[in-house]
Amino acid sequence: CLNIKNFVRFQLSTSVSALMMIALTTFWNIPSPLNPMQILWINIIMDGPPAQSLGVEPIDSSLANSPPRPPKKQVVDRYMLIRVCLSAAVIISGTLWVYKNEMVDGQVTARDTTMTFTCFIFFDMFNALSCRSLTKSVLQINIFGNTTFLFAISASILSLFGLIYVPFLQTIFQTEALAFNDILTLICLSSTVLIVDECFKLFLRAIACVDDNKSNSEDAKSLIP
């Protein structure tokens, strides 16, 4: 069930981000930040393999000590919706900021769409990393425990570099080569989606700790005659 929730959270946050970004640019009457080929590539190649690899994430051994999941508990609960909205808000804000910052003359160039496209992909990869666990930090999980995930992320990043550095693919996807500083800047910016989710996980762990303390206190009181 946890792997299903990880899969659903990643797919929802990515889909909401892409749809809202297109909807907002349409509402504001500005050119779309992504061309049709780039959108198709994101939907088919960039989202599919990472999402599917989350479904084979190794089961956390600590689950054996957890109480059974209530049968009526929904897969998409309040906390998941909050996280989806938070992640989507960060992705949309960061990607549109890059787009606006690049489109200084009001005309959409290959560099504008390449920076925006690359930024969105990097956001997607960091978002997938944060979705590997619902509550544990990325520093607490075994980074190499899911080789399928590592392969999917590596393949996605390599394919992205192919699109922006291989000449004939540049023609098809209307991209252009980016400098190392551009890539580094986009990586730093897109990592914010991971940082925000790490903060939310810390909040969830704090709530769980408070609930456990209350439960233990009530159990202790019940033993007092």
N, C-alpha and C. Protein backbone atom coordinates (compact mmCIF):
# COMPACT_ATOMS: atom_id res chain seq x y z
N CYS A 1 0.83 -1.21 0.00
CA CYS A 1 0.00 0.00 0.00
C CYS A 1 0.86 1.27 0.00
N LEU A 2 2.00 1.23 0.75
CA LEU A 2 2.87 2.39 0.82
C LEU A 2 3.47 2.71 -0.55
N ASN A 3 3.86 1.68 -1.27
CA ASN A 3 4.42 1.90 -2.60
C ASN A 3 3.38 2.48 -3.55
N ILE A 4 2.13 2.05 -3.37
CA ILE A 4 1.04 2.62 -4.19
C ILE A 4 0.88 4.10 -3.89
N LYS A 5 0.96 4.45 -2.60
CA LYS A 5 0.83 5.85 -2.21
C LYS A 5 1.99 6.67 -2.75
N ASN A 6 3.20 6.11 -2.72
CA ASN A 6 4.36 6.82 -3.28
C ASN A 6 4.17 7.07 -4.78
N PHE A 7 3.69 6.03 -5.48
CA PHE A 7 3.44 6.14 -6.91
C PHE A 7 2.38 7.21 -7.20
N VAL A 8 1.28 7.15 -6.46
CA VAL A 8 0.18 8.09 -6.68
C VAL A 8 0.60 9.52 -6.38
N ARG A 9 1.35 9.70 -5.30
CA ARG A 9 1.78 11.06 -4.93
C ARG A 9 2.68 11.66 -6.00
N PHE A 10 3.60 10.87 -6.51
CA PHE A 10 4.48 11.38 -7.55
C PHE A 10 3.71 11.73 -8.81
N GLN A 11 2.83 10.84 -9.24
CA GLN A 11 2.07 11.07 -10.46
C GLN A 11 1.15 12.28 -10.33
N LEU A 12 0.50 12.41 -9.19
CA LEU A 12 -0.42 13.53 -8.98
C LEU A 12 0.33 14.86 -8.98
N SER A 13 1.43 14.94 -8.23
CA SER A 13 2.16 16.20 -8.13
C SER A 13 2.75 16.61 -9.48
N THR A 14 3.24 15.63 -10.24
CA THR A 14 3.80 15.94 -11.56
C THR A 14 2.71 16.37 -12.54
N SER A 15 1.61 15.63 -12.55
CA SER A 15 0.53 15.95 -13.48
C SER A 15 -0.11 17.30 -13.17
N VAL A 16 -0.34 17.55 -11.87
CA VAL A 16 -0.92 18.83 -11.47
C VAL A 16 0.01 19.97 -11.85
N SER A 17 1.30 19.79 -11.66
CA SER A 17 2.28 20.83 -11.99
C SER A 17 2.24 21.16 -13.48
N ALA A 18 2.28 20.13 -14.32
CA ALA A 18 2.30 20.35 -15.76
C ALA A 18 1.00 21.01 -16.24
N LEU A 19 -0.14 20.50 -15.76
CA LEU A 19 -1.42 21.05 -16.19
C LEU A 19 -1.61 22.49 -15.74
N MET A 20 -1.26 22.75 -14.47
CA MET A 20 -1.45 24.10 -13.94
C MET A 20 -0.51 25.10 -14.61
N MET A 21 0.69 24.66 -14.94
CA MET A 21 1.65 25.55 -15.59
C MET A 21 1.13 25.98 -16.96
N ILE A 22 0.60 25.01 -17.71
CA ILE A 22 0.02 25.34 -19.02
C ILE A 22 -1.23 26.20 -18.85
N ALA A 23 -2.05 25.87 -17.86
CA ALA A 23 -3.29 26.64 -17.63
C ALA A 23 -2.98 28.08 -17.24
N LEU A 24 -1.97 28.28 -16.39
CA LEU A 24 -1.64 29.63 -15.94
C LEU A 24 -1.09 30.48 -17.07
N THR A 25 -0.22 29.90 -17.89
CA THR A 25 0.32 30.67 -19.01
C THR A 25 -0.78 31.01 -20.02
N THR A 26 -1.74 30.11 -20.18
CA THR A 26 -2.87 30.39 -21.07
C THR A 26 -3.74 31.50 -20.50
N PHE A 27 -3.98 31.44 -19.18
CA PHE A 27 -4.80 32.45 -18.51
C PHE A 27 -4.15 33.82 -18.59
N TRP A 28 -2.83 33.86 -18.43
CA TRP A 28 -2.10 35.13 -18.48
C TRP A 28 -1.79 35.57 -19.91
N ASN A 29 -2.21 34.77 -20.87
CA ASN A 29 -2.03 35.09 -22.28
C ASN A 29 -0.56 35.28 -22.65
N ILE A 30 0.27 34.36 -22.19
CA ILE A 30 1.68 34.36 -22.56
C ILE A 30 1.99 33.03 -23.25
N PRO A 31 3.00 32.98 -24.08
CA PRO A 31 3.32 31.74 -24.81
C PRO A 31 3.59 30.58 -23.86
N SER A 32 3.26 29.39 -24.30
CA SER A 32 3.48 28.20 -23.48
C SER A 32 4.97 28.00 -23.24
N PRO A 33 5.36 27.67 -22.01
CA PRO A 33 6.79 27.48 -21.71
C PRO A 33 7.36 26.19 -22.30
N LEU A 34 6.50 25.27 -22.72
CA LEU A 34 6.95 24.00 -23.28
C LEU A 34 6.26 23.77 -24.62
N ASN A 35 7.00 23.25 -25.59
CA ASN A 35 6.38 22.93 -26.87
C ASN A 35 5.77 21.52 -26.81
N PRO A 36 4.92 21.17 -27.77
CA PRO A 36 4.23 19.88 -27.72
C PRO A 36 5.15 18.66 -27.61
N MET A 37 6.28 18.67 -28.29
CA MET A 37 7.20 17.54 -28.23
C MET A 37 7.79 17.38 -26.84
N GLN A 38 8.09 18.50 -26.19
CA GLN A 38 8.63 18.45 -24.84
C GLN A 38 7.59 17.94 -23.84
N ILE A 39 6.35 18.39 -24.00
CA ILE A 39 5.28 17.92 -23.12
C ILE A 39 5.06 16.42 -23.30
N LEU A 40 5.09 15.96 -24.54
CA LEU A 40 4.92 14.53 -24.82
C LEU A 40 6.06 13.73 -24.20
N TRP A 41 7.27 14.24 -24.29
CA TRP A 41 8.43 13.54 -23.72
C TRP A 41 8.31 13.45 -22.20
N ILE A 42 7.85 14.53 -21.57
CA ILE A 42 7.68 14.53 -20.11
C ILE A 42 6.64 13.50 -19.70
N ASN A 43 5.51 13.47 -20.40
CA ASN A 43 4.42 12.57 -20.02
C ASN A 43 4.76 11.10 -20.22
N ILE A 44 5.48 10.80 -21.29
CA ILE A 44 5.72 9.39 -21.63
C ILE A 44 7.03 8.87 -21.04
N ILE A 45 8.11 9.63 -21.21
CA ILE A 45 9.43 9.13 -20.84
C ILE A 45 9.84 9.54 -19.43
N MET A 46 9.69 10.82 -19.11
CA MET A 46 10.21 11.32 -17.85
C MET A 46 9.38 10.93 -16.63
N ASP A 47 8.08 10.79 -16.79
CA ASP A 47 7.22 10.46 -15.65
C ASP A 47 7.06 8.96 -15.46
N GLY A 48 6.98 8.21 -16.56
CA GLY A 48 6.67 6.79 -16.48
C GLY A 48 7.66 5.94 -15.72
N PRO A 49 8.92 5.83 -16.18
CA PRO A 49 9.88 4.96 -15.49
C PRO A 49 10.13 5.30 -14.01
N PRO A 50 10.35 6.59 -13.65
CA PRO A 50 10.52 6.87 -12.22
C PRO A 50 9.31 6.50 -11.38
N ALA A 51 8.11 6.75 -11.91
CA ALA A 51 6.89 6.42 -11.16
C ALA A 51 6.77 4.91 -10.97
N GLN A 52 7.02 4.15 -12.03
CA GLN A 52 6.92 2.69 -11.93
C GLN A 52 7.98 2.12 -10.98
N SER A 53 9.16 2.73 -10.95
CA SER A 53 10.22 2.24 -10.07
C SER A 53 9.87 2.46 -8.60
N LEU A 54 9.03 3.45 -8.31
CA LEU A 54 8.60 3.67 -6.92
C LEU A 54 7.71 2.51 -6.44
N GLY A 55 7.10 1.82 -7.37
CA GLY A 55 6.24 0.69 -7.01
C GLY A 55 6.99 -0.53 -6.55
N VAL A 56 8.32 -0.56 -6.77
CA VAL A 56 9.11 -1.71 -6.33
C VAL A 56 10.09 -1.31 -5.24
N GLU A 57 9.78 -0.22 -4.55
CA GLU A 57 10.61 0.21 -3.43
C GLU A 57 10.61 -0.87 -2.34
N PRO A 58 11.78 -1.25 -1.81
CA PRO A 58 11.83 -2.27 -0.75
C PRO A 58 10.98 -1.88 0.46
N ILE A 59 10.32 -2.88 1.04
CA ILE A 59 9.46 -2.63 2.20
C ILE A 59 10.31 -2.29 3.42
N ASP A 60 9.89 -1.26 4.14
CA ASP A 60 10.59 -0.85 5.36
C ASP A 60 10.38 -1.90 6.44
N SER A 61 11.47 -2.38 7.05
CA SER A 61 11.37 -3.43 8.08
C SER A 61 10.63 -2.95 9.32
N SER A 62 10.61 -1.63 9.56
CA SER A 62 9.92 -1.11 10.75
C SER A 62 8.41 -1.24 10.66
N LEU A 63 7.89 -1.55 9.46
CA LEU A 63 6.44 -1.70 9.31
C LEU A 63 5.90 -2.88 10.10
N ALA A 64 6.78 -3.85 10.39
CA ALA A 64 6.34 -5.02 11.15
C ALA A 64 5.88 -4.63 12.56
N ASN A 65 6.39 -3.52 13.09
CA ASN A 65 6.03 -3.07 14.42
C ASN A 65 4.88 -2.07 14.42
N SER A 66 4.39 -1.73 13.23
CA SER A 66 3.30 -0.77 13.13
C SER A 66 1.95 -1.46 13.26
N PRO A 67 0.96 -0.75 13.80
CA PRO A 67 -0.39 -1.34 13.89
C PRO A 67 -1.00 -1.53 12.52
N PRO A 68 -1.96 -2.42 12.38
CA PRO A 68 -2.60 -2.65 11.07
C PRO A 68 -3.25 -1.39 10.53
N ARG A 69 -3.24 -1.28 9.23
CA ARG A 69 -3.86 -0.13 8.59
C ARG A 69 -5.37 -0.28 8.62
N PRO A 70 -6.10 0.76 9.07
CA PRO A 70 -7.57 0.68 9.08
C PRO A 70 -8.10 0.39 7.68
N PRO A 71 -9.00 -0.56 7.54
CA PRO A 71 -9.48 -0.95 6.20
C PRO A 71 -10.19 0.18 5.45
N LYS A 72 -10.76 1.13 6.18
CA LYS A 72 -11.49 2.22 5.54
C LYS A 72 -10.61 3.45 5.27
N LYS A 73 -9.35 3.37 5.62
CA LYS A 73 -8.46 4.51 5.41
C LYS A 73 -8.19 4.69 3.92
N GLN A 74 -8.33 5.91 3.45
CA GLN A 74 -8.17 6.20 2.03
C GLN A 74 -6.70 6.25 1.63
N VAL A 75 -6.43 5.88 0.40
CA VAL A 75 -5.06 5.97 -0.12
C VAL A 75 -4.66 7.43 -0.27
N VAL A 76 -5.55 8.23 -0.86
CA VAL A 76 -5.30 9.67 -0.99
C VAL A 76 -5.96 10.38 0.18
N ASP A 77 -5.18 10.59 1.24
CA ASP A 77 -5.73 11.24 2.43
C ASP A 77 -5.37 12.72 2.46
N ARG A 78 -5.72 13.36 3.58
CA ARG A 78 -5.50 14.80 3.69
C ARG A 78 -4.03 15.16 3.59
N TYR A 79 -3.17 14.39 4.27
CA TYR A 79 -1.75 14.70 4.26
C TYR A 79 -1.15 14.54 2.85
N MET A 80 -1.62 13.53 2.11
CA MET A 80 -1.10 13.37 0.75
C MET A 80 -1.51 14.54 -0.13
N LEU A 81 -2.75 14.98 0.00
CA LEU A 81 -3.20 16.12 -0.80
C LEU A 81 -2.40 17.38 -0.48
N ILE A 82 -2.09 17.57 0.80
CA ILE A 82 -1.28 18.73 1.19
C ILE A 82 0.11 18.64 0.55
N ARG A 83 0.69 17.46 0.58
CA ARG A 83 2.02 17.28 0.01
C ARG A 83 2.02 17.45 -1.51
N VAL A 84 0.98 16.94 -2.14
CA VAL A 84 0.86 17.11 -3.59
C VAL A 84 0.78 18.59 -3.95
N CYS A 85 -0.05 19.32 -3.21
CA CYS A 85 -0.21 20.76 -3.47
C CYS A 85 1.09 21.52 -3.19
N LEU A 86 1.79 21.17 -2.11
CA LEU A 86 3.05 21.83 -1.78
C LEU A 86 4.09 21.59 -2.87
N SER A 87 4.25 20.32 -3.26
CA SER A 87 5.23 19.99 -4.29
C SER A 87 4.88 20.66 -5.61
N ALA A 88 3.60 20.62 -5.98
CA ALA A 88 3.17 21.24 -7.23
C ALA A 88 3.42 22.75 -7.20
N ALA A 89 3.14 23.38 -6.06
CA ALA A 89 3.34 24.83 -5.94
C ALA A 89 4.81 25.20 -6.12
N VAL A 90 5.69 24.41 -5.52
CA VAL A 90 7.13 24.68 -5.64
C VAL A 90 7.58 24.49 -7.09
N ILE A 91 7.14 23.39 -7.71
CA ILE A 91 7.54 23.09 -9.09
C ILE A 91 7.04 24.17 -10.04
N ILE A 92 5.77 24.55 -9.91
CA ILE A 92 5.19 25.56 -10.79
C ILE A 92 5.89 26.90 -10.61
N SER A 93 6.08 27.31 -9.35
CA SER A 93 6.71 28.61 -9.07
C SER A 93 8.13 28.66 -9.61
N GLY A 94 8.90 27.61 -9.33
CA GLY A 94 10.29 27.60 -9.78
C GLY A 94 10.42 27.57 -11.29
N THR A 95 9.61 26.75 -11.94
CA THR A 95 9.69 26.63 -13.39
C THR A 95 9.24 27.91 -14.10
N LEU A 96 8.16 28.49 -13.64
CA LEU A 96 7.68 29.73 -14.26
C LEU A 96 8.63 30.90 -13.97
N TRP A 97 9.29 30.86 -12.83
CA TRP A 97 10.29 31.91 -12.53
C TRP A 97 11.44 31.85 -13.53
N VAL A 98 11.90 30.64 -13.80
CA VAL A 98 12.96 30.46 -14.80
C VAL A 98 12.49 30.95 -16.17
N TYR A 99 11.27 30.58 -16.52
CA TYR A 99 10.71 30.97 -17.83
C TYR A 99 10.62 32.48 -17.95
N LYS A 100 10.11 33.12 -16.92
CA LYS A 100 9.97 34.59 -16.94
C LYS A 100 11.34 35.26 -16.94
N ASN A 101 12.26 34.71 -16.20
CA ASN A 101 13.59 35.30 -16.12
C ASN A 101 14.33 35.20 -17.45
N GLU A 102 14.08 34.11 -18.18
CA GLU A 102 14.76 33.92 -19.46
C GLU A 102 14.11 34.72 -20.58
N MET A 103 12.79 34.84 -20.55
CA MET A 103 12.06 35.51 -21.64
C MET A 103 12.03 37.01 -21.38
N VAL A 104 13.17 37.65 -21.52
CA VAL A 104 13.28 39.06 -21.18
C VAL A 104 12.74 39.98 -22.29
N ASP A 105 12.75 39.51 -23.53
CA ASP A 105 12.33 40.35 -24.64
C ASP A 105 10.91 40.06 -25.11
N GLY A 106 10.21 39.18 -24.40
CA GLY A 106 8.84 38.85 -24.78
C GLY A 106 8.73 37.83 -25.88
N GLN A 107 9.86 37.41 -26.43
CA GLN A 107 9.88 36.41 -27.49
C GLN A 107 10.44 35.10 -26.95
N VAL A 108 9.77 34.00 -27.29
CA VAL A 108 10.20 32.68 -26.83
C VAL A 108 11.28 32.15 -27.75
N THR A 109 12.45 31.88 -27.18
CA THR A 109 13.57 31.35 -27.96
C THR A 109 13.83 29.89 -27.55
N ALA A 110 14.72 29.24 -28.28
CA ALA A 110 15.08 27.86 -27.95
C ALA A 110 15.71 27.78 -26.57
N ARG A 111 16.48 28.79 -26.21
CA ARG A 111 17.08 28.79 -24.87
C ARG A 111 16.01 28.90 -23.79
N ASP A 112 15.01 29.73 -24.01
CA ASP A 112 13.93 29.88 -23.02
C ASP A 112 13.25 28.55 -22.73
N THR A 113 12.85 27.86 -23.79
CA THR A 113 12.14 26.59 -23.61
C THR A 113 13.08 25.50 -23.08
N THR A 114 14.36 25.56 -23.47
CA THR A 114 15.31 24.56 -22.98
C THR A 114 15.53 24.72 -21.48
N MET A 115 15.71 25.94 -21.03
CA MET A 115 15.89 26.19 -19.59
C MET A 115 14.65 25.76 -18.82
N THR A 116 13.47 26.09 -19.35
CA THR A 116 12.23 25.74 -18.67
C THR A 116 12.02 24.22 -18.65
N PHE A 117 12.24 23.59 -19.78
CA PHE A 117 12.10 22.14 -19.91
C PHE A 117 13.06 21.41 -18.96
N THR A 118 14.31 21.83 -18.95
CA THR A 118 15.32 21.20 -18.09
C THR A 118 14.99 21.42 -16.62
N CYS A 119 14.54 22.61 -16.28
CA CYS A 119 14.16 22.91 -14.90
C CYS A 119 13.03 22.00 -14.43
N PHE A 120 12.02 21.84 -15.27
CA PHE A 120 10.88 21.00 -14.90
C PHE A 120 11.32 19.55 -14.72
N ILE A 121 12.21 19.05 -15.58
CA ILE A 121 12.69 17.68 -15.47
C ILE A 121 13.46 17.49 -14.18
N PHE A 122 14.34 18.42 -13.85
CA PHE A 122 15.10 18.32 -12.61
C PHE A 122 14.17 18.36 -11.39
N PHE A 123 13.16 19.20 -11.43
CA PHE A 123 12.16 19.22 -10.37
C PHE A 123 11.51 17.84 -10.23
N ASP A 124 11.19 17.24 -11.37
CA ASP A 124 10.58 15.92 -11.40
C ASP A 124 11.48 14.87 -10.74
N MET A 125 12.77 14.92 -11.02
CA MET A 125 13.70 13.93 -10.47
C MET A 125 13.84 14.08 -8.96
N PHE A 126 13.95 15.31 -8.47
CA PHE A 126 14.03 15.53 -7.03
C PHE A 126 12.70 15.17 -6.35
N ASN A 127 11.61 15.43 -7.03
CA ASN A 127 10.30 15.05 -6.50
C ASN A 127 10.17 13.54 -6.37
N ALA A 128 10.67 12.81 -7.37
CA ALA A 128 10.66 11.35 -7.32
C ALA A 128 11.49 10.84 -6.16
N LEU A 129 12.63 11.48 -5.92
CA LEU A 129 13.49 11.08 -4.79
C LEU A 129 12.78 11.27 -3.46
N SER A 130 12.06 12.37 -3.33
CA SER A 130 11.34 12.64 -2.08
C SER A 130 10.17 11.68 -1.89
N CYS A 131 9.66 11.11 -2.99
CA CYS A 131 8.51 10.20 -2.92
C CYS A 131 8.91 8.77 -2.57
N ARG A 132 10.17 8.49 -2.37
CA ARG A 132 10.58 7.12 -2.06
C ARG A 132 10.09 6.69 -0.68
N SER A 133 9.83 7.64 0.19
CA SER A 133 9.31 7.30 1.52
C SER A 133 8.29 8.35 1.93
N LEU A 134 7.25 7.90 2.63
CA LEU A 134 6.21 8.83 3.07
C LEU A 134 6.64 9.64 4.28
N THR A 135 7.47 9.06 5.14
CA THR A 135 7.83 9.73 6.38
C THR A 135 9.33 9.86 6.60
N LYS A 136 10.12 8.96 6.05
CA LYS A 136 11.56 8.99 6.30
C LYS A 136 12.28 9.97 5.39
N SER A 137 13.31 10.60 5.96
CA SER A 137 14.15 11.49 5.19
C SER A 137 14.95 10.69 4.17
N VAL A 138 15.38 11.35 3.10
CA VAL A 138 16.22 10.67 2.11
C VAL A 138 17.56 10.26 2.73
N LEU A 139 17.91 10.90 3.85
CA LEU A 139 19.14 10.54 4.55
C LEU A 139 18.97 9.30 5.41
N GLN A 140 17.72 8.89 5.63
CA GLN A 140 17.44 7.72 6.47
C GLN A 140 17.18 6.45 5.67
N ILE A 141 16.88 6.61 4.41
CA ILE A 141 16.61 5.42 3.58
C ILE A 141 17.89 4.95 2.91
N ASN A 142 17.86 3.73 2.44
CA ASN A 142 19.00 3.17 1.71
C ASN A 142 18.94 3.68 0.27
N ILE A 143 19.81 4.62 -0.06
CA ILE A 143 19.79 5.25 -1.38
C ILE A 143 19.93 4.21 -2.49
N PHE A 144 20.74 3.17 -2.24
CA PHE A 144 21.00 2.16 -3.26
C PHE A 144 20.09 0.93 -3.11
N GLY A 145 19.07 1.06 -2.25
CA GLY A 145 18.18 -0.08 -2.00
C GLY A 145 17.25 -0.40 -3.15
N ASN A 146 16.97 0.58 -3.99
CA ASN A 146 16.07 0.39 -5.13
C ASN A 146 16.85 0.65 -6.42
N THR A 147 17.46 -0.39 -6.95
CA THR A 147 18.28 -0.23 -8.15
C THR A 147 17.44 0.14 -9.37
N THR A 148 16.18 -0.29 -9.38
CA THR A 148 15.29 0.07 -10.49
C THR A 148 15.07 1.58 -10.53
N PHE A 149 14.92 2.17 -9.36
CA PHE A 149 14.74 3.62 -9.26
C PHE A 149 16.00 4.35 -9.75
N LEU A 150 17.14 3.89 -9.30
CA LEU A 150 18.40 4.53 -9.71
C LEU A 150 18.60 4.44 -11.22
N PHE A 151 18.25 3.29 -11.79
CA PHE A 151 18.37 3.13 -13.24
C PHE A 151 17.41 4.06 -13.97
N ALA A 152 16.17 4.17 -13.46
CA ALA A 152 15.16 5.01 -14.10
C ALA A 152 15.58 6.49 -14.07
N ILE A 153 16.08 6.93 -12.91
CA ILE A 153 16.51 8.33 -12.79
C ILE A 153 17.71 8.60 -13.68
N SER A 154 18.67 7.68 -13.67
CA SER A 154 19.87 7.85 -14.50
C SER A 154 19.51 7.90 -15.98
N ALA A 155 18.62 6.99 -16.41
CA ALA A 155 18.20 6.96 -17.80
C ALA A 155 17.46 8.24 -18.19
N SER A 156 16.64 8.75 -17.27
CA SER A 156 15.89 9.98 -17.55
C SER A 156 16.84 11.17 -17.72
N ILE A 157 17.83 11.27 -16.84
CA ILE A 157 18.77 12.38 -16.91
C ILE A 157 19.64 12.28 -18.17
N LEU A 158 20.08 11.07 -18.49
CA LEU A 158 20.88 10.89 -19.71
C LEU A 158 20.08 11.24 -20.96
N SER A 159 18.81 10.84 -20.96
CA SER A 159 17.97 11.17 -22.12
C SER A 159 17.74 12.68 -22.22
N LEU A 160 17.63 13.34 -21.07
CA LEU A 160 17.50 14.80 -21.06
C LEU A 160 18.73 15.46 -21.67
N PHE A 161 19.91 15.01 -21.27
CA PHE A 161 21.13 15.57 -21.82
C PHE A 161 21.23 15.30 -23.32
N GLY A 162 20.71 14.15 -23.74
CA GLY A 162 20.69 13.85 -25.16
C GLY A 162 19.85 14.85 -25.92
N LEU A 163 18.71 15.21 -25.35
CA LEU A 163 17.80 16.14 -26.02
C LEU A 163 18.39 17.54 -26.17
N ILE A 164 19.24 17.93 -25.22
CA ILE A 164 19.74 19.30 -25.26
C ILE A 164 21.17 19.42 -25.80
N TYR A 165 21.82 18.27 -26.05
CA TYR A 165 23.20 18.35 -26.55
C TYR A 165 23.41 17.62 -27.88
N VAL A 166 22.52 16.70 -28.26
CA VAL A 166 22.67 16.00 -29.54
C VAL A 166 22.01 16.84 -30.63
N PRO A 167 22.74 17.22 -31.66
CA PRO A 167 22.23 18.16 -32.67
C PRO A 167 20.90 17.78 -33.30
N PHE A 168 20.74 16.54 -33.77
CA PHE A 168 19.49 16.21 -34.47
C PHE A 168 18.30 16.18 -33.52
N LEU A 169 18.55 15.86 -32.23
CA LEU A 169 17.48 15.92 -31.23
C LEU A 169 17.15 17.36 -30.87
N GLN A 170 18.15 18.23 -30.93
CA GLN A 170 17.89 19.65 -30.71
C GLN A 170 16.90 20.18 -31.75
N THR A 171 17.05 19.72 -32.96
CA THR A 171 16.15 20.17 -34.03
C THR A 171 14.72 19.68 -33.79
N ILE A 172 14.58 18.43 -33.36
CA ILE A 172 13.25 17.86 -33.15
C ILE A 172 12.55 18.50 -31.96
N PHE A 173 13.28 18.69 -30.85
CA PHE A 173 12.66 19.20 -29.62
C PHE A 173 12.87 20.70 -29.42
N GLN A 174 13.48 21.35 -30.39
CA GLN A 174 13.69 22.81 -30.35
C GLN A 174 14.42 23.23 -29.08
N THR A 175 15.55 22.58 -28.85
CA THR A 175 16.37 22.90 -27.69
C THR A 175 17.73 23.39 -28.15
N GLU A 176 18.52 23.85 -27.19
CA GLU A 176 19.89 24.22 -27.47
C GLU A 176 20.76 23.88 -26.27
N ALA A 177 22.06 23.78 -26.52
CA ALA A 177 22.99 23.37 -25.46
C ALA A 177 23.04 24.42 -24.35
N LEU A 178 23.09 23.94 -23.11
CA LEU A 178 23.18 24.81 -21.94
C LEU A 178 24.59 24.75 -21.36
N ALA A 179 25.03 25.86 -20.77
CA ALA A 179 26.33 25.91 -20.13
C ALA A 179 26.29 25.16 -18.80
N PHE A 180 27.46 24.82 -18.30
CA PHE A 180 27.55 24.11 -17.02
C PHE A 180 26.92 24.92 -15.89
N ASN A 181 27.13 26.24 -15.92
CA ASN A 181 26.55 27.09 -14.87
C ASN A 181 25.02 27.07 -14.93
N ASP A 182 24.47 26.97 -16.13
CA ASP A 182 23.01 26.88 -16.26
C ASP A 182 22.49 25.61 -15.60
N ILE A 183 23.16 24.49 -15.88
CA ILE A 183 22.75 23.20 -15.31
C ILE A 183 22.86 23.25 -13.79
N LEU A 184 23.96 23.80 -13.30
CA LEU A 184 24.17 23.87 -11.84
C LEU A 184 23.11 24.74 -11.17
N THR A 185 22.79 25.86 -11.80
CA THR A 185 21.75 26.75 -11.25
C THR A 185 20.40 26.04 -11.20
N LEU A 186 20.05 25.33 -12.25
CA LEU A 186 18.77 24.63 -12.31
C LEU A 186 18.70 23.50 -11.28
N ILE A 187 19.81 22.81 -11.07
CA ILE A 187 19.84 21.74 -10.06
C ILE A 187 19.61 22.32 -8.67
N CYS A 188 20.30 23.42 -8.37
CA CYS A 188 20.12 24.05 -7.05
C CYS A 188 18.68 24.53 -6.85
N LEU A 189 18.11 25.13 -7.87
CA LEU A 189 16.74 25.62 -7.77
C LEU A 189 15.75 24.47 -7.61
N SER A 190 15.88 23.44 -8.44
CA SER A 190 14.92 22.34 -8.41
C SER A 190 15.02 21.49 -7.16
N SER A 191 16.14 21.54 -6.46
CA SER A 191 16.27 20.77 -5.22
C SER A 191 15.37 21.31 -4.11
N THR A 192 14.80 22.50 -4.31
CA THR A 192 13.93 23.08 -3.28
C THR A 192 12.68 22.23 -3.05
N VAL A 193 12.23 21.50 -4.08
CA VAL A 193 11.05 20.66 -3.89
C VAL A 193 11.36 19.53 -2.92
N LEU A 194 12.59 19.05 -2.94
CA LEU A 194 13.02 18.02 -1.99
C LEU A 194 13.15 18.60 -0.59
N ILE A 195 13.70 19.81 -0.48
CA ILE A 195 13.88 20.45 0.82
C ILE A 195 12.53 20.71 1.48
N VAL A 196 11.57 21.22 0.70
CA VAL A 196 10.23 21.49 1.25
C VAL A 196 9.58 20.21 1.75
N ASP A 197 9.70 19.13 0.98
CA ASP A 197 9.09 17.86 1.41
C ASP A 197 9.81 17.28 2.62
N GLU A 198 11.12 17.49 2.72
CA GLU A 198 11.85 17.04 3.90
C GLU A 198 11.34 17.75 5.14
N CYS A 199 11.06 19.02 5.02
CA CYS A 199 10.50 19.79 6.15
C CYS A 199 9.12 19.26 6.53
N PHE A 200 8.32 18.91 5.53
CA PHE A 200 6.99 18.38 5.81
C PHE A 200 7.08 17.01 6.48
N LYS A 201 8.03 16.18 6.06
CA LYS A 201 8.24 14.88 6.70
C LYS A 201 8.65 15.05 8.16
N LEU A 202 9.49 16.04 8.41
CA LEU A 202 9.90 16.34 9.79
C LEU A 202 8.69 16.73 10.63
N PHE A 203 7.79 17.50 10.04
CA PHE A 203 6.55 17.88 10.72
C PHE A 203 5.69 16.66 11.02
N LEU A 204 5.58 15.74 10.06
CA LEU A 204 4.79 14.52 10.27
C LEU A 204 5.39 13.64 11.36
N ARG A 205 6.72 13.55 11.39
CA ARG A 205 7.37 12.74 12.42
C ARG A 205 7.17 13.36 13.80
N ALA A 206 7.14 14.69 13.86
CA ALA A 206 6.90 15.37 15.13
C ALA A 206 5.49 15.10 15.63
N ILE A 207 4.53 15.12 14.71
CA ILE A 207 3.14 14.82 15.08
C ILE A 207 3.02 13.39 15.57
N ALA A 208 3.65 12.46 14.88
CA ALA A 208 3.61 11.05 15.27
C ALA A 208 4.23 10.84 16.64
N CYS A 209 5.31 11.57 16.91
CA CYS A 209 5.98 11.46 18.21
C CYS A 209 5.08 11.96 19.33
N VAL A 210 4.38 13.07 19.09
CA VAL A 210 3.46 13.62 20.09
C VAL A 210 2.31 12.64 20.34
N ASP A 211 1.78 12.05 19.27
CA ASP A 211 0.68 11.08 19.41
C ASP A 211 1.13 9.85 20.19
N ASP A 212 2.36 9.39 19.95
CA ASP A 212 2.88 8.23 20.68
C ASP A 212 3.04 8.54 22.16
N ASN A 213 3.51 9.74 22.46
CA ASN A 213 3.68 10.13 23.86
C ASN A 213 2.35 10.20 24.58
N LYS A 214 1.32 10.72 23.88
CA LYS A 214 -0.01 10.79 24.48
C LYS A 214 -0.56 9.39 24.72
N SER A 215 -0.35 8.51 23.74
CA SER A 215 -0.84 7.14 23.86
C SER A 215 -0.17 6.42 25.02
N ASN A 216 1.14 6.60 25.15
CA ASN A 216 1.88 5.95 26.24
C ASN A 216 1.44 6.49 27.59
N SER A 217 1.17 7.80 27.64
CA SER A 217 0.72 8.42 28.88
C SER A 217 -0.65 7.87 29.29
N GLU A 218 -1.55 7.72 28.32
CA GLU A 218 -2.88 7.19 28.64
C GLU A 218 -2.80 5.74 29.07
N ASP A 219 -1.90 4.96 28.46
CA ASP A 219 -1.74 3.57 28.85
C ASP A 219 -1.20 3.46 30.27
N ALA A 220 -0.28 4.37 30.62
CA ALA A 220 0.28 4.36 31.97
C ALA A 220 -0.77 4.73 33.00
N LYS A 221 -1.63 5.70 32.68
CA LYS A 221 -2.68 6.09 33.61
C LYS A 221 -3.68 4.97 33.82
N SER A 222 -3.94 4.17 32.78
CA SER A 222 -4.90 3.10 32.91
C SER A 222 -4.41 2.00 33.83
N LEU A 223 -3.08 1.94 34.05
CA LEU A 223 -2.53 0.91 34.95
C LEU A 223 -2.56 1.34 36.41
N ILE A 224 -2.82 2.64 36.63
CA ILE A 224 -2.86 3.13 38.01
C ILE A 224 -4.22 2.80 38.62
N PRO A 225 -4.24 2.10 39.75
CA PRO A 225 -5.52 1.72 40.36
C PRO A 225 -6.25 2.94 40.95
